[in-house]
PDB file of N, CA and C in Angstrom:
ATOM      1  N   MET A   1      64.938 -16.333  19.939  1.00  0.00           N
ATOM      2  CA  MET A   1      65.237 -16.058  18.288  1.00  0.00           C
ATOM      3  C   MET A   1      66.267 -15.299  17.729  1.00  0.00           C
ATOM      4  N   ILE A   2      66.621 -15.487  16.677  1.00  0.00           N
ATOM      5  CA  ILE A   2      67.819 -15.043  16.024  1.00  0.00           C
ATOM      6  C   ILE A   2      67.341 -13.931  15.060  1.00  0.00           C
ATOM      7  N   ALA A   3      67.563 -13.174  15.491  1.00  0.00           N
ATOM      8  CA  ALA A   3      67.700 -11.885  14.320  1.00  0.00           C
ATOM      9  C   ALA A   3      69.076 -11.558  12.893  1.00  0.00           C
ATOM     10  N   ILE A   4      68.473 -11.333  11.651  1.00  0.00           N
ATOM     11  CA  ILE A   4      69.674 -11.825  11.067  1.00  0.00           C
ATOM     12  C   ILE A   4      69.494 -10.507  10.378  1.00  0.00           C
ATOM     13  N   LEU A   5      70.638  -9.212  10.305  1.00  0.00           N
ATOM     14  CA  LEU A   5      69.814  -8.389   9.286  1.00  0.00           C
ATOM     15  C   LEU A   5      71.010  -8.094   7.958  1.00  0.00           C
ATOM     16  N   VAL A   6      70.266  -8.606   6.507  1.00  0.00           N
ATOM     17  CA  VAL A   6      71.298  -7.933   5.396  1.00  0.00           C
ATOM     18  C   VAL A   6      70.877  -6.442   5.005  1.00  0.00           C
ATOM     19  N   VAL A   7      71.775  -6.689   4.921  1.00  0.00           N
ATOM     20  CA  VAL A   7      72.166  -4.505   4.465  1.00  0.00           C
ATOM     21  C   VAL A   7      72.705  -4.790   2.805  1.00  0.00           C
ATOM     22  N   TYR A   8      71.085  -5.155   1.569  1.00  0.00           N
ATOM     23  CA  TYR A   8      72.347  -4.847   0.852  1.00  0.00           C
ATOM     24  C   TYR A   8      72.476  -3.686   0.183  1.00  0.00           C
ATOM     25  N   ARG A   9      73.891  -3.486  -0.607  1.00  0.00           N
ATOM     26  CA  ARG A   9      74.356  -1.962  -2.232  1.00  0.00           C
ATOM     27  C   ARG A   9      74.355  -2.403  -3.233  1.00  0.00           C
ATOM     28  N   CYS A  10      74.668  -1.128  -3.460  1.00  0.00           N
ATOM     29  CA  CYS A  10      73.944  -0.348  -5.429  1.00  0.00           C
ATOM     30  C   CYS A  10      75.588  -1.663  -4.829  1.00  0.00           C
ATOM     31  N   ARG A  11      75.228  -2.332  -6.453  1.00  0.00           N
ATOM     32  CA  ARG A  11      77.072  -2.121  -7.546  1.00  0.00           C
ATOM     33  C   ARG A  11      77.722  -1.215  -7.899  1.00  0.00           C
ATOM     34  N   ASN A  12      76.416  -0.727  -8.394  1.00  0.00           N
ATOM     35  CA  ASN A  12      77.210   0.810  -8.859  1.00  0.00           C
ATOM     36  C   ASN A  12      78.174   2.532  -8.426  1.00  0.00           C
ATOM     37  N   CYS A  13      77.280   2.684  -6.918  1.00  0.00           N
ATOM     38  CA  CYS A  13      77.707   3.630  -5.799  1.00  0.00           C
ATOM     39  C   CYS A  13      77.917   3.279  -4.658  1.00  0.00           C
ATOM     40  N   ASP A  14      77.101   2.267  -5.038  1.00  0.00           N
ATOM     41  CA  ASP A  14      77.803   1.515  -3.250  1.00  0.00           C
ATOM     42  C   ASP A  14      77.026   2.533  -2.105  1.00  0.00           C
ATOM     43  N   SER A  15      75.476   2.071  -2.619  1.00  0.00           N
ATOM     44  CA  SER A  15      74.993   3.235  -2.036  1.00  0.00           C
ATOM     45  C   SER A  15      73.786   2.376  -1.086  1.00  0.00           C
ATOM     46  N   GLN A  16      72.970   2.226  -0.492  1.00  0.00           N
ATOM     47  CA  GLN A  16      71.994   1.286   0.566  1.00  0.00           C
ATOM     48  C   GLN A  16      70.867   1.980   0.248  1.00  0.00           C
ATOM     49  N   ASN A  17      70.236   2.844  -0.347  1.00  0.00           N
ATOM     50  CA  ASN A  17      69.551   3.742  -0.617  1.00  0.00           C
ATOM     51  C   ASN A  17      68.505   2.873  -1.695  1.00  0.00           C
ATOM     52  N   ILE A  18      68.163   1.376  -1.629  1.00  0.00           N
ATOM     53  CA  ILE A  18      68.162   0.743  -2.657  1.00  0.00           C
ATOM     54  C   ILE A  18      66.947   0.381  -2.372  1.00  0.00           C
ATOM     55  N   ILE A  19      65.611  -0.021  -3.986  1.00  0.00           N
ATOM     56  CA  ILE A  19      64.556  -0.759  -3.527  1.00  0.00           C
ATOM     57  C   ILE A  19      64.231  -1.638  -4.357  1.00  0.00           C
ATOM     58  N   LYS A  20      63.270  -3.126  -3.458  1.00  0.00           N
ATOM     59  CA  LYS A  20      62.698  -4.053  -5.515  1.00  0.00           C
ATOM     60  C   LYS A  20      62.205  -2.979  -6.001  1.00  0.00           C
ATOM     61  N   ASN A  21      61.801  -3.173  -7.166  1.00  0.00           N
ATOM     62  CA  ASN A  21      61.941  -3.415  -8.201  1.00  0.00           C
ATOM     63  C   ASN A  21      60.858  -4.382  -9.002  1.00  0.00           C
ATOM     64  N   GLY A  22      60.435  -4.982  -9.111  1.00  0.00           N
ATOM     65  CA  GLY A  22      60.351  -6.341 -10.194  1.00  0.00           C
ATOM     66  C   GLY A  22      60.605  -7.094  -9.138  1.00  0.00           C
ATOM     67  N   HIS A  23      61.108  -8.185 -10.856  1.00  0.00           N
ATOM     68  CA  HIS A  23      60.789  -9.498 -10.668  1.00  0.00           C
ATOM     69  C   HIS A  23      61.248 -10.091 -13.578  1.00  0.00           C
ATOM     70  N   ASN A  24      63.006 -10.110 -13.179  1.00  0.00           N
ATOM     71  CA  ASN A  24      63.175 -10.405 -14.763  1.00  0.00           C
ATOM     72  C   ASN A  24      62.206 -11.885 -15.035  1.00  0.00           C
ATOM     73  N   ALA A  25      61.840 -11.854 -15.915  1.00  0.00           N
ATOM     74  CA  ALA A  25      62.102 -13.160 -16.986  1.00  0.00           C
ATOM     75  C   ALA A  25      62.577 -14.384 -16.351  1.00  0.00           C
ATOM     76  N   SER A  26      63.373 -14.658 -15.354  1.00  0.00           N
ATOM     77  CA  SER A  26      63.915 -15.719 -14.683  1.00  0.00           C
ATOM     78  C   SER A  26      63.005 -15.570 -13.949  1.00  0.00           C
ATOM     79  N   GLY A  27      62.618 -14.902 -13.329  1.00  0.00           N
ATOM     80  CA  GLY A  27      61.727 -14.715 -10.971  1.00  0.00           C
ATOM     81  C   GLY A  27      62.763 -14.255 -10.631  1.00  0.00           C
ATOM     82  N   SER A  28      64.143 -14.180 -10.927  1.00  0.00           N
ATOM     83  CA  SER A  28      65.087 -13.028  -9.554  1.00  0.00           C
ATOM     84  C   SER A  28      64.412 -11.786  -9.378  1.00  0.00           C
ATOM     85  N   GLN A  29      64.844 -11.154  -8.287  1.00  0.00           N
ATOM     86  CA  GLN A  29      64.066 -10.627  -8.047  1.00  0.00           C
ATOM     87  C   GLN A  29      65.548  -9.063  -7.764  1.00  0.00           C
ATOM     88  N   GLN A  30      64.000  -7.933  -8.446  1.00  0.00           N
ATOM     89  CA  GLN A  30      65.079  -6.931  -9.460  1.00  0.00           C
ATOM     90  C   GLN A  30      64.868  -5.420  -8.436  1.00  0.00           C
ATOM     91  N   TYR A  31      66.271  -4.968  -8.571  1.00  0.00           N
ATOM     92  CA  TYR A  31      66.474  -3.801  -7.521  1.00  0.00           C
ATOM     93  C   TYR A  31      66.733  -2.409  -8.313  1.00  0.00           C
ATOM     94  N   VAL A  32      66.053  -0.730  -7.970  1.00  0.00           N
ATOM     95  CA  VAL A  32      66.738   0.037  -8.231  1.00  0.00           C
ATOM     96  C   VAL A  32      66.904   1.295  -7.337  1.00  0.00           C
ATOM     97  N   CYS A  33      67.999   1.230  -7.651  1.00  0.00           N
ATOM     98  CA  CYS A  33      69.366   2.508  -6.334  1.00  0.00           C
ATOM     99  C   CYS A  33      68.391   3.569  -6.575  1.00  0.00           C
ATOM    100  N   LYS A  34      68.320   3.911  -6.279  1.00  0.00           N
ATOM    101  CA  LYS A  34      67.190   4.967  -5.164  1.00  0.00           C
ATOM    102  C   LYS A  34      69.263   6.044  -5.571  1.00  0.00           C
ATOM    103  N   ASP A  35      69.889   6.685  -5.577  1.00  0.00           N
ATOM    104  CA  ASP A  35      70.486   7.684  -5.890  1.00  0.00           C
ATOM    105  C   ASP A  35      71.157   7.552  -6.925  1.00  0.00           C
ATOM    106  N   CYS A  36      71.719   6.629  -7.546  1.00  0.00           N
ATOM    107  CA  CYS A  36      72.380   6.502  -8.951  1.00  0.00           C
ATOM    108  C   CYS A  36      71.185   5.763  -9.904  1.00  0.00           C
ATOM    109  N   GLY A  37      70.273   5.146  -9.666  1.00  0.00           N
ATOM    110  CA  GLY A  37      69.207   5.264 -11.269  1.00  0.00           C
ATOM    111  C   GLY A  37      69.755   3.764 -11.317  1.00  0.00           C
ATOM    112  N   LYS A  38      70.537   2.315 -11.504  1.00  0.00           N
ATOM    113  CA  LYS A  38      70.936   1.856 -11.407  1.00  0.00           C
ATOM    114  C   LYS A  38      69.482   0.829 -11.538  1.00  0.00           C
ATOM    115  N   ARG A  39      70.079  -0.149 -12.081  1.00  0.00           N
ATOM    116  CA  ARG A  39      68.647  -1.458 -11.469  1.00  0.00           C
ATOM    117  C   ARG A  39      69.342  -2.684 -12.193  1.00  0.00           C
ATOM    118  N   GLY A  40      68.678  -3.187 -11.679  1.00  0.00           N
ATOM    119  CA  GLY A  40      69.206  -5.185 -11.834  1.00  0.00           C
ATOM    120  C   GLY A  40      68.934  -5.663 -10.601  1.00  0.00           C
ATOM    121  N   VAL A  41      69.892  -6.898 -11.003  1.00  0.00           N
ATOM    122  CA  VAL A  41      69.411  -7.880  -9.692  1.00  0.00           C
ATOM    123  C   VAL A  41      70.832  -7.891  -8.466  1.00  0.00           C
ATOM    124  N   LEU A  42      70.838  -7.761  -7.820  1.00  0.00           N
ATOM    125  CA  LEU A  42      71.554  -7.381  -6.850  1.00  0.00           C
ATOM    126  C   LEU A  42      72.815  -9.928  -6.507  1.00  0.00           C
ATOM    127  N   GLU A  43      72.070  -9.768  -5.785  1.00  0.00           N
ATOM    128  CA  GLU A  43      72.941 -11.183  -5.917  1.00  0.00           C
ATOM    129  C   GLU A  43      72.473 -12.236  -7.291  1.00  0.00           C
ATOM    130  N   THR A  44      73.653 -12.442  -8.059  1.00  0.00           N
ATOM    131  CA  THR A  44      73.659 -13.982  -9.147  1.00  0.00           C
ATOM    132  C   THR A  44      74.160 -14.600  -8.859  1.00  0.00           C
ATOM    133  N   GLU A  45      73.684 -15.101  -9.484  1.00  0.00           N
ATOM    134  CA  GLU A  45      73.371 -16.351  -9.370  1.00  0.00           C
ATOM    135  C   GLU A  45      75.074 -17.407 -10.359  1.00  0.00           C
ATOM    136  N   ASN A  46      75.139 -18.359  -9.543  1.00  0.00           N
ATOM    137  CA  ASN A  46      77.397 -18.856 -10.631  1.00  0.00           C
ATOM    138  C   ASN A  46      76.154 -20.072 -11.308  1.00  0.00           C
ATOM    139  N   VAL A  47      75.247 -19.684 -12.568  1.00  0.00           N
ATOM    140  CA  VAL A  47      74.842 -20.500 -13.579  1.00  0.00           C
ATOM    141  C   VAL A  47      75.986 -21.189 -14.116  1.00  0.00           C
ATOM    142  N   VAL A  48      75.811 -23.088 -14.734  1.00  0.00           N
ATOM    143  CA  VAL A  48      76.829 -23.358 -15.622  1.00  0.00           C
ATOM    144  C   VAL A  48      76.187 -23.702 -15.508  1.00  0.00           C
ATOM    145  N   THR A  49      76.530 -22.834 -17.515  1.00  0.00           N
ATOM    146  CA  THR A  49      76.195 -23.562 -18.537  1.00  0.00           C
ATOM    147  C   THR A  49      75.676 -25.479 -19.241  1.00  0.00           C
ATOM    148  N   PRO A  50      74.696 -25.529 -19.708  1.00  0.00           N
ATOM    149  CA  PRO A  50      75.919 -26.620 -20.995  1.00  0.00           C
ATOM    150  C   PRO A  50      76.761 -26.853 -21.441  1.00  0.00           C
ATOM    151  N   ARG A  51      77.020 -25.696 -22.442  1.00  0.00           N
ATOM    152  CA  ARG A  51      78.552 -25.206 -23.000  1.00  0.00           C
ATOM    153  C   ARG A  51      79.705 -25.640 -21.836  1.00  0.00           C
ATOM    154  N   ARG A  52      79.517 -25.080 -20.630  1.00  0.00           N
ATOM    155  CA  ARG A  52      80.099 -25.017 -19.467  1.00  0.00           C
ATOM    156  C   ARG A  52      80.408 -26.176 -19.403  1.00  0.00           C
ATOM    157  N   LYS A  53      79.726 -27.335 -18.763  1.00  0.00           N
ATOM    158  CA  LYS A  53      79.861 -28.293 -18.751  1.00  0.00           C
ATOM    159  C   LYS A  53      80.064 -29.218 -18.901  1.00  0.00           C
ATOM    160  N   ARG A  54      79.347 -29.203 -20.564  1.00  0.00           N
ATOM    161  CA  ARG A  54      81.087 -30.176 -21.876  1.00  0.00           C
ATOM    162  C   ARG A  54      81.585 -29.540 -21.068  1.00  0.00           C
ATOM    163  N   ASN A  55      82.502 -28.627 -21.893  1.00  0.00           N
ATOM    164  CA  ASN A  55      83.209 -28.647 -21.689  1.00  0.00           C
ATOM    165  C   ASN A  55      84.229 -28.612 -20.469  1.00  0.00           C
ATOM    166  N   ARG A  56      83.726 -29.021 -19.768  1.00  0.00           N
ATOM    167  CA  ARG A  56      84.425 -29.952 -18.290  1.00  0.00           C
ATOM    168  C   ARG A  56      84.846 -30.772 -18.303  1.00  0.00           C
ATOM    169  N   PHE A  57      83.504 -31.035 -17.685  1.00  0.00           N
ATOM    170  CA  PHE A  57      84.258 -33.086 -18.962  1.00  0.00           C
ATOM    171  C   PHE A  57      84.329 -33.729 -19.890  1.00  0.00           C
ATOM    172  N   CYS A  58      84.944 -32.282 -21.724  1.00  0.00           N
ATOM    173  CA  CYS A  58      85.368 -33.254 -22.526  1.00  0.00           C
ATOM    174  C   CYS A  58      86.809 -32.242 -22.058  1.00  0.00           C
ATOM    175  N   LEU A  59      87.366 -31.550 -20.587  1.00  0.00           N
ATOM    176  CA  LEU A  59      88.084 -30.990 -20.501  1.00  0.00           C
ATOM    177  C   LEU A  59      89.110 -32.632 -19.433  1.00  0.00           C
ATOM    178  N   LEU A  60      88.149 -32.750 -18.319  1.00  0.00           N
ATOM    179  CA  LEU A  60      88.469 -34.530 -17.746  1.00  0.00           C
ATOM    180  C   LEU A  60      89.048 -35.610 -18.718  1.00  0.00           C
ATOM    181  N   ILE A  61      88.011 -35.905 -20.390  1.00  0.00           N
ATOM    182  CA  ILE A  61      88.597 -36.849 -21.038  1.00  0.00           C
ATOM    183  C   ILE A  61      89.656 -36.183 -21.225  1.00  0.00           C
ATOM    184  N   MET A  62      90.023 -35.156 -21.876  1.00  0.00           N
ATOM    185  CA  MET A  62      91.290 -34.919 -22.462  1.00  0.00           C
ATOM    186  C   MET A  62      92.677 -35.155 -21.637  1.00  0.00           C
ATOM    187  N   ASN A  63      92.266 -35.137 -20.258  1.00  0.00           N
ATOM    188  CA  ASN A  63      94.104 -35.075 -19.738  1.00  0.00           C
ATOM    189  C   ASN A  63      93.503 -36.981 -18.633  1.00  0.00           C
ATOM    190  N   ASP A  64      93.046 -38.147 -19.183  1.00  0.00           N
ATOM    191  CA  ASP A  64      92.878 -38.861 -18.775  1.00  0.00           C
ATOM    192  C   ASP A  64      92.032 -39.794 -18.245  1.00  0.00           C
ATOM    193  N   GLN A  65      90.952 -39.156 -17.392  1.00  0.00           N
ATOM    194  CA  GLN A  65      89.984 -39.671 -16.733  1.00  0.00           C
ATOM    195  C   GLN A  65      89.283 -40.854 -17.393  1.00  0.00           C
ATOM    196  N   SER A  66      89.283 -42.172 -16.476  1.00  0.00           N
ATOM    197  CA  SER A  66      88.384 -43.011 -17.175  1.00  0.00           C
ATOM    198  C   SER A  66      87.133 -41.866 -17.967  1.00  0.00           C
ATOM    199  N   LEU A  67      86.752 -43.058 -19.318  1.00  0.00           N
ATOM    200  CA  LEU A  67      84.746 -42.436 -19.745  1.00  0.00           C
ATOM    201  C   LEU A  67      83.886 -42.981 -17.933  1.00  0.00           C
ATOM    202  N   ARG A  68      83.960 -44.293 -17.359  1.00  0.00           N
ATOM    203  CA  ARG A  68      83.186 -43.967 -16.450  1.00  0.00           C
ATOM    204  C   ARG A  68      83.186 -43.725 -15.894  1.00  0.00           C
ATOM    205  N   GLY A  69      84.435 -43.037 -15.374  1.00  0.00           N
ATOM    206  CA  GLY A  69      84.579 -41.968 -14.047  1.00  0.00           C
ATOM    207  C   GLY A  69      83.424 -40.568 -14.682  1.00  0.00           C
ATOM    208  N   VAL A  70      84.145 -40.131 -15.039  1.00  0.00           N
ATOM    209  CA  VAL A  70      83.457 -39.034 -16.221  1.00  0.00           C
ATOM    210  C   VAL A  70      81.988 -39.035 -15.716  1.00  0.00           C
ATOM    211  N   GLU A  71      81.855 -39.948 -17.455  1.00  0.00           N
ATOM    212  CA  GLU A  71      80.240 -40.770 -16.537  1.00  0.00           C
ATOM    213  C   GLU A  71      78.633 -40.299 -15.286  1.00  0.00           C
ATOM    214  N   HIS A  72      79.929 -40.931 -14.531  1.00  0.00           N
ATOM    215  CA  HIS A  72      79.634 -41.021 -12.852  1.00  0.00           C
ATOM    216  C   HIS A  72      78.972 -40.101 -12.539  1.00  0.00           C
ATOM    217  N   THR A  73      80.178 -38.903 -12.798  1.00  0.00           N
ATOM    218  CA  THR A  73      80.294 -37.834 -12.254  1.00  0.00           C
ATOM    219  C   THR A  73      79.201 -36.914 -12.623  1.00  0.00           C
ATOM    220  N   PHE A  74      79.494 -37.130 -14.130  1.00  0.00           N
ATOM    221  CA  PHE A  74      78.135 -36.158 -15.100  1.00  0.00           C
ATOM    222  C   PHE A  74      76.314 -36.237 -14.711  1.00  0.00           C
ATOM    223  N   GLY A  75      76.104 -37.971 -14.407  1.00  0.00           N
ATOM    224  CA  GLY A  75      75.735 -38.055 -15.288  1.00  0.00           C
ATOM    225  C   GLY A  75      75.335 -37.885 -16.236  1.00  0.00           C
ATOM    226  N   VAL A  76      76.487 -38.732 -17.690  1.00  0.00           N
ATOM    227  CA  VAL A  76      75.850 -38.351 -18.835  1.00  0.00           C
ATOM    228  C   VAL A  76      76.283 -39.844 -19.604  1.00  0.00           C
ATOM    229  N   SER A  77      75.214 -40.315 -20.904  1.00  0.00           N
ATOM    230  CA  SER A  77      75.864 -40.985 -21.223  1.00  0.00           C
ATOM    231  C   SER A  77      77.026 -41.023 -21.806  1.00  0.00           C
ATOM    232  N   ARG A  78      77.650 -42.334 -22.739  1.00  0.00           N
ATOM    233  CA  ARG A  78      78.641 -42.589 -23.027  1.00  0.00           C
ATOM    234  C   ARG A  78      79.280 -42.182 -24.496  1.00  0.00           C
ATOM    235  N   PRO A  79      77.587 -42.498 -24.673  1.00  0.00           N
ATOM    236  CA  PRO A  79      78.130 -41.434 -25.874  1.00  0.00           C
ATOM    237  C   PRO A  79      77.986 -40.506 -26.169  1.00  0.00           C
ATOM    238  N   THR A  80      77.685 -39.431 -25.773  1.00  0.00           N
ATOM    239  CA  THR A  80      77.490 -38.649 -25.274  1.00  0.00           C
ATOM    240  C   THR A  80      79.702 -37.643 -24.947  1.00  0.00           C
ATOM    241  N   LEU A  81      78.923 -38.806 -23.864  1.00  0.00           N
ATOM    242  CA  LEU A  81      80.343 -38.031 -23.826  1.00  0.00           C
ATOM    243  C   LEU A  81      81.665 -38.194 -24.507  1.00  0.00           C
ATOM    244  N   VAL A  82      81.352 -39.724 -26.227  1.00  0.00           N
ATOM    245  CA  VAL A  82      81.681 -40.415 -27.782  1.00  0.00           C
ATOM    246  C   VAL A  82      82.215 -38.888 -28.198  1.00  0.00           C
ATOM    247  N   SER A  83      81.032 -38.337 -28.284  1.00  0.00           N
ATOM    248  CA  SER A  83      81.024 -37.206 -29.120  1.00  0.00           C
ATOM    249  C   SER A  83      81.960 -35.946 -29.507  1.00  0.00           C
ATOM    250  N   CYS A  84      82.360 -35.629 -27.933  1.00  0.00           N
ATOM    251  CA  CYS A  84      83.555 -34.717 -27.952  1.00  0.00           C
ATOM    252  C   CYS A  84      84.709 -34.168 -28.229  1.00  0.00           C
TER     253      CYS A  84
END
């Protein structure tokens, strides 16, 4: 059996003296640093919002990518792409 030790550090003061502090509304684990008092999520997720996704495929269309290719890549319909 292989055991992996993960050491979390505070983003603010780089201390290892942190404890769990419940969950936020989206279900992510919250932590609090005992040294500086900073609270929050240690590992943030890279979330692609619908607006960022729309900007991405609009950019592809403006750079002469075919509508069919963009439609297939992003899984959206052609009317959605045309409204861009």
